[in-house]
C-alpha atoms as a PDB file:
ATOM      1  CA  MET A   1       6.252  58.995  16.903  1.00  0.00           C
ATOM      2  CA  THR A   2       3.790  61.737  17.974  1.00  0.00           C
ATOM      3  CA  ARG A   3       6.456  64.407  17.637  1.00  0.00           C
ATOM      4  CA  ARG A   4       7.248  63.237  14.105  1.00  0.00           C
ATOM      5  CA  VAL A   5       3.556  63.403  13.084  1.00  0.00           C
ATOM      6  CA  ASP A   6       3.160  66.925  14.570  1.00  0.00           C
ATOM      7  CA  TRP A   7       6.200  68.055  12.637  1.00  0.00           C
ATOM      8  CA  LYS A   8       4.774  66.626   9.458  1.00  0.00           C
ATOM      9  CA  ASN A   9       1.413  68.333   9.977  1.00  0.00           C
ATOM     10  CA  SER A  10       3.049  71.690  10.678  1.00  0.00           C
ATOM     11  CA  PHE A  11       5.185  71.357   7.617  1.00  0.00           C
ATOM     12  CA  VAL A  12       2.232  70.460   5.420  1.00  0.00           C
ATOM     13  CA  VAL A  13       0.190  73.404   6.724  1.00  0.00           C
ATOM     14  CA  ALA A  14       3.052  75.804   6.039  1.00  0.00           C
ATOM     15  CA  LEU A  15       3.534  74.332   2.596  1.00  0.00           C
ATOM     16  CA  VAL A  16      -0.133  74.649   1.662  1.00  0.00           C
ATOM     17  CA  VAL A  17      -0.284  78.269   2.933  1.00  0.00           C
ATOM     18  CA  ALA A  18       2.758  79.130   0.851  1.00  0.00           C
ATOM     19  CA  ILE A  19       1.214  77.535  -2.204  1.00  0.00           C
ATOM     20  CA  GLY A  20      -1.998  79.461  -1.601  1.00  0.00           C
ATOM     21  CA  LEU A  21      -0.151  82.766  -1.337  1.00  0.00           C
ATOM     22  CA  THR A  22       1.734  81.999  -4.511  1.00  0.00           C
ATOM     23  CA  LEU A  23      -1.485  81.110  -6.290  1.00  0.00           C
ATOM     24  CA  THR A  24      -3.102  84.353  -5.091  1.00  0.00           C
ATOM     25  CA  GLY A  25      -0.186  86.433  -6.309  1.00  0.00           C
ATOM     26  CA  CYS A  26      -0.335  84.874  -9.777  1.00  0.00           C
ATOM     27  CA  SER A  27      -4.077  84.480 -10.186  1.00  0.00           C
ATOM     28  CA  SER A  28      -4.682  87.848 -11.862  1.00  0.00           C
ATOM     29  CA  ASN A  29      -3.025  89.269 -14.946  1.00  0.00           C
ATOM     30  CA  CYS A  30      -3.649  91.907 -17.470  1.00  0.00           C
ATOM     31  CA  CYS A  31      -5.107  89.508 -20.021  1.00  0.00           C
ATOM     32  CA  GLY A  32      -7.159  87.480 -17.514  1.00  0.00           C
ATOM     33  CA  CYS A  33      -5.259  84.189 -18.011  1.00  0.00           C
ATOM     34  CA  ASP A  34      -5.467  81.373 -15.466  1.00  0.00           C
ATOM     35  CA  ALA A  35      -2.944  81.220 -12.676  1.00  0.00           C
ATOM     36  CA  PRO A  36       0.129  79.042 -13.183  1.00  0.00           C
ATOM     37  CA  ASP A  37       0.533  75.624 -11.511  1.00  0.00           C
ATOM     38  CA  PRO A  38       0.758  76.300  -7.754  1.00  0.00           C
ATOM     39  CA  CYS A  39       3.099  73.302  -7.427  1.00  0.00           C
ATOM     40  CA  GLU A  40       5.817  75.063  -9.418  1.00  0.00           C
ATOM     41  CA  PRO A  41       8.805  76.048  -7.248  1.00  0.00           C
ATOM     42  CA  SER A  42       8.377  79.745  -7.953  1.00  0.00           C
ATOM     43  CA  CYS A  43       5.775  82.131  -9.247  1.00  0.00           C
ATOM     44  CA  SER A  44       6.927  83.469 -12.550  1.00  0.00           C
ATOM     45  CA  PRO A  45       5.391  86.568 -14.055  1.00  0.00           C
ATOM     46  CA  CYS A  46       2.102  85.617 -15.580  1.00  0.00           C
ATOM     47  CA  ASP A  47       2.349  84.691 -19.184  1.00  0.00           C
ATOM     48  CA  PRO A  48      -0.755  86.043 -20.911  1.00  0.00           C
ATOM     49  CA  CYS A  49      -0.616  83.112 -23.293  1.00  0.00           C
ATOM     50  CA  ALA A  50       0.153  80.380 -20.729  1.00  0.00           C
ATOM     51  CA  ALA A  51      -2.126  77.306 -20.856  1.00  0.00           C
ATOM     52  CA  ASN A  52      -4.084  75.931 -17.896  1.00  0.00           C
ATOM     53  CA  SER A  53      -2.076  73.603 -15.641  1.00  0.00           C
ATOM     54  CA  PRO A  54      -2.832  69.871 -16.035  1.00  0.00           C
ATOM     55  CA  ARG A  55      -5.307  68.387 -13.602  1.00  0.00           C
ATOM     56  CA  PRO A  56      -3.782  65.760 -11.287  1.00  0.00           C
ATOM     57  CA  GLN A  57      -4.826  62.256 -12.294  1.00  0.00           C
ATOM     58  CA  GLY A  58      -7.725  60.891 -10.268  1.00  0.00           C
ATOM     59  CA  LEU A  59      -8.608  64.193  -8.598  1.00  0.00           C
ATOM     60  CA  PRO A  60     -12.360  64.222  -7.795  1.00  0.00           C
ATOM     61  CA  ASP A  61     -14.581  66.310 -10.035  1.00  0.00           C
ATOM     62  CA  GLU A  62     -16.035  68.139  -7.015  1.00  0.00           C
ATOM     63  CA  ALA A  63     -12.650  69.711  -6.188  1.00  0.00           C
ATOM     64  CA  LYS A  64     -12.868  73.499  -6.240  1.00  0.00           C
ATOM     65  CA  ALA A  65     -10.352  76.269  -6.367  1.00  0.00           C
ATOM     66  CA  GLY A  66      -8.744  76.978  -3.043  1.00  0.00           C
ATOM     67  CA  GLU A  67      -9.358  73.471  -1.685  1.00  0.00           C
ATOM     68  CA  ALA A  68      -6.507  71.255  -0.644  1.00  0.00           C
ATOM     69  CA  TRP A  69      -6.799  67.611  -1.680  1.00  0.00           C
ATOM     70  CA  CYS A  70      -4.330  65.089  -0.381  1.00  0.00           C
ATOM     71  CA  ARG A  71      -3.511  61.751  -1.958  1.00  0.00           C
ATOM     72  CA  VAL A  72      -3.567  59.308   0.954  1.00  0.00           C
ATOM     73  CA  LEU A  73      -2.126  55.790   0.835  1.00  0.00           C
ATOM     74  CA  ILE A  74      -4.689  53.365   2.235  1.00  0.00           C
ATOM     75  CA  PRO A  75      -2.828  50.277   3.483  1.00  0.00           C
ATOM     76  CA  ALA A  76      -3.902  46.807   2.451  1.00  0.00           C
ATOM     77  CA  GLN A  77      -6.513  45.156   4.649  1.00  0.00           C
ATOM     78  CA  TYR A  78      -6.064  41.680   6.025  1.00  0.00           C
ATOM     79  CA  GLU A  79      -8.164  39.242   7.984  1.00  0.00           C
ATOM     80  CA  ASP A  80      -7.333  36.193  10.022  1.00  0.00           C
ATOM     81  CA  TYR A  81      -9.116  32.934   9.270  1.00  0.00           C
ATOM     82  CA  GLU A  82      -8.893  29.395  10.551  1.00  0.00           C
ATOM     83  CA  GLU A  83      -8.127  26.464   8.315  1.00  0.00           C
ATOM     84  CA  LYS A  84      -7.826  22.745   8.925  1.00  0.00           C
ATOM     85  CA  SER A  85      -4.358  21.539   8.035  1.00  0.00           C
ATOM     86  CA  CYS A  86      -3.256  17.903   7.774  1.00  0.00           C
ATOM     87  CA  CYS A  87      -0.331  17.414  10.114  1.00  0.00           C
ATOM     88  CA  LYS A  88      -0.121  13.646   9.692  1.00  0.00           C
ATOM     89  CA  PRO A  89      -1.499  11.839   6.615  1.00  0.00           C
ATOM     90  CA  ALA A  90      -3.622   8.722   6.848  1.00  0.00           C
ATOM     91  CA  SER A  91      -1.684   5.469   7.001  1.00  0.00           C
ATOM     92  CA  THR A  92      -2.118   1.748   7.584  1.00  0.00           C
ATOM     93  CA  LYS A  93      -0.595  -0.288  10.394  1.00  0.00           C
ATOM     94  CA  ARG A  94       0.281  -3.882   9.509  1.00  0.00           C
ATOM     95  CA  ASP A  95       0.607  -6.490  12.280  1.00  0.00           C
ATOM     96  CA  TRP A  96       1.601 -10.108  11.643  1.00  0.00           C
ATOM     97  CA  ILE A  97      -0.595 -12.633  13.444  1.00  0.00           C
ATOM     98  CA  GLU A  98       1.255 -15.896  14.022  1.00  0.00           C
ATOM     99  CA  PRO A  99      -0.340 -19.168  12.850  1.00  0.00           C
ATOM    100  CA  VAL A 100      -2.057 -21.395  15.448  1.00  0.00           C
ATOM    101  CA  TYR A 101      -1.059 -25.057  15.822  1.00  0.00           C
ATOM    102  CA  GLU A 102      -2.196 -27.871  18.093  1.00  0.00           C
ATOM    103  CA  GLU A 103      -1.060 -31.404  18.869  1.00  0.00           C
ATOM    104  CA  ARG A 104      -3.457 -34.135  17.746  1.00  0.00           C
ATOM    105  CA  GLU A 105      -3.343 -37.939  17.854  1.00  0.00           C
ATOM    106  CA  LYS A 106      -3.134 -39.700  14.550  1.00  0.00           C
ATOM    107  CA  LYS A 107      -3.151 -43.380  13.595  1.00  0.00           C
ATOM    108  CA  VAL A 108      -0.276 -44.203  11.299  1.00  0.00           C
ATOM    109  CA  CYS A 109       0.017 -47.491   9.368  1.00  0.00           C
ATOM    110  CA  CYS A 110       3.353 -49.009  10.194  1.00  0.00           C
ATOM    111  CA  THR A 111       2.758 -52.341   8.373  1.00  0.00           C
ATOM    112  CA  PRO A 112       0.390 -52.465   5.414  1.00  0.00           C
ATOM    113  CA  ALA A 113      -2.014 -55.304   4.764  1.00  0.00           C
ATOM    114  CA  ARG A 114      -0.447 -58.253   2.972  1.00  0.00           C
ATOM    115  CA  CYS A 115      -1.053 -61.825   1.795  1.00  0.00           C
ATOM    116  CA  LYS A 116       1.036 -64.710   3.073  1.00  0.00           C
ATOM    117  CA  LYS A 117       1.333 -68.043   1.263  1.00  0.00           C
ATOM    118  CA  ILE A 118       1.612 -71.072   3.506  1.00  0.00           C
ATOM    119  CA  CYS A 119       2.916 -74.378   2.118  1.00  0.00           C
ATOM    120  CA  ILE A 120       1.090 -77.503   3.270  1.00  0.00           C
ATOM    121  CA  PRO A 121       3.329 -80.574   2.930  1.00  0.00           C
ATOM    122  CA  ALA A 122       2.090 -83.814   1.416  1.00  0.00           C
ATOM    123  CA  GLU A 123       0.751 -86.548   3.650  1.00  0.00           C
ATOM    124  CA  TYR A 124       2.016 -90.137   3.490  1.00  0.00           C
ATOM    125  CA  GLU A 125       1.215 -93.473   5.107  1.00  0.00           C
ATOM    126  CA  ASP A 126       2.726 -96.932   5.106  1.00  0.00           C
ATOM    127  CA  LYS A 127       0.811 -99.679   3.258  1.00  0.00           C
ATOM    128  CA  THR A 128       1.673-103.399   3.307  1.00  0.00           C
ATOM    129  CA  GLU A 129       0.636-105.517   0.383  1.00  0.00           C
ATOM    130  CA  ARG A 130       1.319-109.119  -0.681  1.00  0.00           C
ATOM    131  CA  VAL A 131       3.375-109.253  -3.774  1.00  0.00           C
ATOM    132  CA  GLN A 132       3.770-112.359  -5.936  1.00  0.00           C
ATOM    133  CA  THR A 133       7.377-113.038  -6.292  1.00  0.00           C
ATOM    134  CA  CYS A 134       7.033-116.137  -8.418  1.00  0.00           C
ATOM    135  CA  PRO A 135       3.971-117.384 -10.284  1.00  0.00           C
ATOM    136  CA  ALA A 136       2.611-120.930  -9.984  1.00  0.00           C
ATOM    137  CA  ARG A 137       4.241-123.441 -12.345  1.00  0.00           C
ATOM    138  CA  THR A 138       4.773-127.083 -13.035  1.00  0.00           C
ATOM    139  CA  VAL A 139       8.133-128.741 -13.186  1.00  0.00           C
ATOM    140  CA  TRP A 140       9.367-132.178 -13.818  1.00  0.00           C
ATOM    141  CA  LYS A 141      11.235-133.551 -10.942  1.00  0.00           C
ATOM    142  CA  LYS A 142      13.276-136.697 -10.843  1.00  0.00           C
ATOM    143  CA  ILE A 143      11.943-138.908  -8.125  1.00  0.00           C
ATOM    144  CA  PRO A 144      12.969-142.268  -6.831  1.00  0.00           C
ATOM    145  CA  CYS A 145      10.481-144.835  -7.812  1.00  0.00           C
ATOM    146  CA  GLU A 146      10.392-148.582  -7.027  1.00  0.00           C
ATOM    147  CA  PRO A 147      10.029-150.747 -10.043  1.00  0.00           C
ATOM    148  CA  ASP A 148       6.594-152.062 -10.408  1.00  0.00           C
ATOM    149  CA  GLY A 149       5.286-154.470 -13.000  1.00  0.00           C
ATOM    150  CA  LEU A 150       8.563-155.016 -14.791  1.00  0.00           C
ATOM    151  CA  GLY A 151       8.814-158.034 -17.071  1.00  0.00           C
ATOM    152  CA  GLU A 152      11.699-160.357 -17.518  1.00  0.00           C
ATOM    153  CA  GLY A 153      14.640-158.642 -18.718  1.00  0.00           C
ATOM    154  CA  GLU A 154      13.156-155.105 -18.159  1.00  0.00           C
ATOM    155  CA  LYS A 155      15.067-152.617 -16.213  1.00  0.00           C
ATOM    156  CA  GLN A 156      13.600-149.497 -14.708  1.00  0.00           C
ATOM    157  CA  GLY A 157      15.331-146.272 -15.436  1.00  0.00           C
ATOM    158  CA  ASP A 158      14.830-142.712 -14.068  1.00  0.00           C
ATOM    159  CA  CYS A 159      11.450-141.747 -12.918  1.00  0.00           C
ATOM    160  CA  TRP A 160      10.166-138.226 -13.405  1.00  0.00           C
ATOM    161  CA  LYS A 161       7.170-136.619 -11.840  1.00  0.00           C
ATOM    162  CA  LEU A 162       5.358-133.468 -12.954  1.00  0.00           C
ATOM    163  CA  VAL A 163       5.129-131.402  -9.865  1.00  0.00           C
ATOM    164  CA  GLU A 164       3.019-128.242  -9.517  1.00  0.00           C
ATOM    165  CA  ILE A 165       4.893-125.498  -7.755  1.00  0.00           C
ATOM    166  CA  PRO A 166       2.474-122.891  -6.321  1.00  0.00           C
ATOM    167  CA  ALA A 167       2.971-119.274  -6.724  1.00  0.00           C
ATOM    168  CA  GLN A 168       5.173-117.539  -4.216  1.00  0.00           C
ATOM    169  CA  PHE A 169       4.228-114.343  -2.432  1.00  0.00           C
ATOM    170  CA  LYS A 170       5.837-111.928   0.004  1.00  0.00           C
ATOM    171  CA  ASP A 171       4.654-108.936   2.024  1.00  0.00           C
ATOM    172  CA  VAL A 172       6.062-105.559   0.857  1.00  0.00           C
ATOM    173  CA  THR A 173       5.599-102.388   2.896  1.00  0.00           C
ATOM    174  CA  ARG A 174       5.807 -99.046   1.075  1.00  0.00           C
ATOM    175  CA  ARG A 175       5.071 -95.353   1.819  1.00  0.00           C
ATOM    176  CA  VAL A 176       2.126 -94.100  -0.105  1.00  0.00           C
ATOM    177  CA  MET A 177       1.096 -90.371  -0.514  1.00  0.00           C
ATOM    178  CA  VAL A 178      -2.428 -90.018   0.630  1.00  0.00           C
ATOM    179  CA  LYS A 179      -2.607 -86.168   0.201  1.00  0.00           C
ATOM    180  CA  PRO A 180      -0.419 -84.139  -2.092  1.00  0.00           C
ATOM    181  CA  ALA A 181       1.420 -81.002  -1.012  1.00  0.00           C
ATOM    182  CA  SER A 182      -0.508 -77.715  -1.358  1.00  0.00           C
ATOM    183  CA  THR A 183      -0.433 -74.004  -0.440  1.00  0.00           C
ATOM    184  CA  LYS A 184      -2.915 -71.678   1.178  1.00  0.00           C
ATOM    185  CA  THR A 185      -3.142 -67.870   1.259  1.00  0.00           C
ATOM    186  CA  GLU A 186      -3.508 -66.084   4.552  1.00  0.00           C
ATOM    187  CA  ASN A 187      -4.572 -62.399   4.662  1.00  0.00           C
ATOM    188  CA  ILE A 188      -2.688 -60.430   7.296  1.00  0.00           C
ATOM    189  CA  ALA A 189      -4.363 -57.214   8.488  1.00  0.00           C
ATOM    190  CA  PRO A 190      -2.402 -53.929   8.535  1.00  0.00           C
ATOM    191  CA  GLU A 191      -0.768 -52.782  11.712  1.00  0.00           C
ATOM    192  CA  TYR A 192      -1.226 -49.252  13.097  1.00  0.00           C
ATOM    193  CA  LYS A 193       0.375 -47.122  15.757  1.00  0.00           C
ATOM    194  CA  THR A 194      -0.711 -43.831  17.323  1.00  0.00           C
ATOM    195  CA  VAL A 195       1.566 -40.807  16.944  1.00  0.00           C
ATOM    196  CA  MET A 196       1.231 -37.089  17.891  1.00  0.00           C
ATOM    197  CA  GLU A 197       1.009 -34.729  14.950  1.00  0.00           C
ATOM    198  CA  LYS A 198       1.267 -30.910  14.798  1.00  0.00           C
ATOM    199  CA  VAL A 199      -1.772 -29.639  12.921  1.00  0.00           C
ATOM    200  CA  LEU A 200      -2.299 -26.118  11.542  1.00  0.00           C
ATOM    201  CA  VAL A 201      -5.548 -24.784  12.991  1.00  0.00           C
ATOM    202  CA  LYS A 202      -5.400 -21.211  11.724  1.00  0.00           C
ATOM    203  CA  PRO A 203      -2.876 -19.881   9.205  1.00  0.00           C
ATOM    204  CA  GLY A 204      -0.886 -16.720   9.856  1.00  0.00           C
ATOM    205  CA  GLU A 205      -2.120 -13.477   8.369  1.00  0.00           C
ATOM    206  CA  TRP A 206      -1.448  -9.768   8.157  1.00  0.00           C
ATOM    207  CA  LYS A 207      -3.871  -7.570  10.060  1.00  0.00           C
ATOM    208  CA  CYS A 208      -4.238  -4.121   8.531  1.00  0.00           C
ATOM    209  CA  THR A 209      -5.488  -1.369  10.812  1.00  0.00           C
ATOM    210  CA  PRO A 210      -6.244   1.959   9.114  1.00  0.00           C
ATOM    211  CA  ILE A 211      -4.943   5.007  10.968  1.00  0.00           C
ATOM    212  CA  PRO A 212      -6.925   8.131  10.098  1.00  0.00           C
ATOM    213  CA  ALA A 213      -5.215  11.344   9.199  1.00  0.00           C
ATOM    214  CA  GLU A 214      -4.603  13.908  11.907  1.00  0.00           C
ATOM    215  CA  TYR A 215      -5.577  17.512  11.443  1.00  0.00           C
ATOM    216  CA  LYS A 216      -4.952  20.677  13.359  1.00  0.00           C
ATOM    217  CA  THR A 217      -6.549  24.084  13.097  1.00  0.00           C
ATOM    218  CA  VAL A 218      -4.135  26.796  12.058  1.00  0.00           C
ATOM    219  CA  THR A 219      -4.749  30.494  11.825  1.00  0.00           C
ATOM    220  CA  LYS A 220      -3.768  32.107   8.537  1.00  0.00           C
ATOM    221  CA  ARG A 221      -3.901  35.634   7.246  1.00  0.00           C
ATOM    222  CA  ARG A 222      -5.206  36.699   3.869  1.00  0.00           C
ATOM    223  CA  GLN A 223      -5.551  39.989   2.086  1.00  0.00           C
ATOM    224  CA  VAL A 224      -9.112  41.153   1.615  1.00  0.00           C
ATOM    225  CA  ALA A 225      -8.320  44.532   0.032  1.00  0.00           C
ATOM    226  CA  PRO A 226      -5.086  45.700  -1.628  1.00  0.00           C
ATOM    227  CA  CYS A 227      -3.403  48.965  -0.754  1.00  0.00           C
ATOM    228  CA  ARG A 228      -4.551  51.956  -2.781  1.00  0.00           C
ATOM    229  CA  TRP A 229      -4.203  55.704  -3.127  1.00  0.00           C
ATOM    230  CA  GLU A 230      -7.220  57.859  -2.321  1.00  0.00           C
ATOM    231  CA  TRP A 231      -7.866  61.558  -2.729  1.00  0.00           C
ATOM    232  CA  ARG A 232      -9.125  63.284   0.425  1.00  0.00           C
ATOM    233  CA  ARG A 233      -9.881  66.902   1.101  1.00  0.00           C
ATOM    234  CA  ASN A 234      -7.850  68.398   3.897  1.00  0.00           C
ATOM    235  CA  GLU A 235      -9.867  71.359   5.177  1.00  0.00           C
ATOM    236  CA  ALA A 236      -7.072  72.329   7.507  1.00  0.00           C
ATOM    237  CA  CYS A 237      -4.937  72.966   4.437  1.00  0.00           C
ATOM    238  CA  ASP A 238      -7.453  74.839   2.305  1.00  0.00           C
ATOM    239  CA  VAL A 239      -5.824  77.843   0.665  1.00  0.00           C
ATOM    240  CA  PRO A 240      -7.195  81.091   2.220  1.00  0.00           C
ATOM    241  CA  ASP A 241      -7.538  84.378   0.381  1.00  0.00           C
ATOM    242  CA  ALA A 242      -4.283  86.195   1.248  1.00  0.00           C
ATOM    243  CA  ALA A 243      -1.684  88.482  -0.166  1.00  0.00           C
ATOM    244  CA  PRO A 244       1.033  87.075  -2.438  1.00  0.00           C
ATOM    245  CA  ALA A 245       3.772  85.299  -0.590  1.00  0.00           C
ATOM    246  CA  ALA A 246       7.227  84.063  -1.323  1.00  0.00           C
ATOM    247  CA  ASP A 247       7.838  81.035  -3.511  1.00  0.00           C
ATOM    248  CA  VAL A 248       7.998  77.634  -1.874  1.00  0.00           C
ATOM    249  CA  ASP A 249      11.086  75.652  -2.593  1.00  0.00           C
ATOM    250  CA  GLY A 250      10.331  72.487  -4.581  1.00  0.00           C
ATOM    251  CA  ASP A 251      12.820  70.421  -2.549  1.00  0.00           C
ATOM    252  CA  ALA A 252      10.918  71.155   0.647  1.00  0.00           C
ATOM    253  CA  LYS A 253       7.697  69.929  -0.937  1.00  0.00           C
ATOM    254  CA  ALA A 254       9.395  66.761  -2.028  1.00  0.00           C
ATOM    255  CA  ASP A 255      10.716  66.213   1.498  1.00  0.00           C
ATOM    256  CA  ALA A 256       7.249  66.718   2.938  1.00  0.00           C
ATOM    257  CA  THR A 257       5.717  64.318   0.477  1.00  0.00           C
ATOM    258  CA  GLU A 258       8.377  61.687   1.141  1.00  0.00           C
ATOM    259  CA  ALA A 259       8.147  62.078   4.919  1.00  0.00           C
ATOM    260  CA  GLY A 260       4.351  61.730   5.114  1.00  0.00           C
ATOM    261  CA  ASP A 261       3.655  59.524   2.078  1.00  0.00           C
ATOM    262  CA  ILE A 262       1.099  62.187   1.097  1.00  0.00           C
ATOM    263  CA  ASP A 263       0.676  63.935  -2.266  1.00  0.00           C
ATOM    264  CA  LEU A 264      -0.939  67.317  -2.121  1.00  0.00           C
ATOM    265  CA  GLY A 265      -3.191  68.258  -4.946  1.00  0.00           C
ATOM    266  CA  VAL A 266      -4.627  71.743  -4.902  1.00  0.00           C
ATOM    267  CA  ALA A 267      -7.511  72.149  -7.269  1.00  0.00           C
ATOM    268  CA  PRO A 268      -6.509  74.420 -10.153  1.00  0.00           C
ATOM    269  CA  ALA A 269      -8.333  77.666 -10.296  1.00  0.00           C
ATOM    270  CA  GLY A 270     -11.399  77.691 -12.454  1.00  0.00           C
ATOM    271  CA  LYS A 271     -11.921  73.938 -12.140  1.00  0.00           C
END
């Protein structure tokens, strides 16, 4: 790399000296015209009517004749900076929490309350009473009777007697209802039994846990100044006052410019 740079510098110095000699050889003419462009491949005989060579674009105003100005490429400038970068976005973790149950005693009605009708049968008793079977009456009954007080020739016939027959009775026993049949209502209380029941104490739920985002610091590079071309005076290549020299081949200049990325601008005479 060092050898390449030395070669470039030597070539540039030789090129500038050749240009200076060419400029010196063509700087004077019979009519006093300005010297031709030193960057031309050869020095033609001065044309008394030739116009001044164009000034290179961007050449500083303080450039003087005989000075060598080089167009230098200034590389872009960069700087490193740190930046927080999200490597894992924020999220939410969902966990299912199972419901909680417990066994508890519970009274369960197995037989509901009800009403029961109870029939009460009728009550009877035997009663004896005297019943008249035949009422009292009188009847005529034929009775034997001895004749009494008969006269002569009288004859006694049948004798009848009115007899009273008393009433006739008999004892009759019969079953008499002393209390009729009836019903009564009896209230029966409900019946319960104790059973074990599974009771929900706490329902299941989703538990959401936020997970924050994760960041890491990364180093990035950014451009702070773009590349640019800049004119600089190269005192080592200033054109000295010397005798006219041979023309410099234009292809050699192009090679030098391409090899060093440098444009040489020699200030035109009289500027």
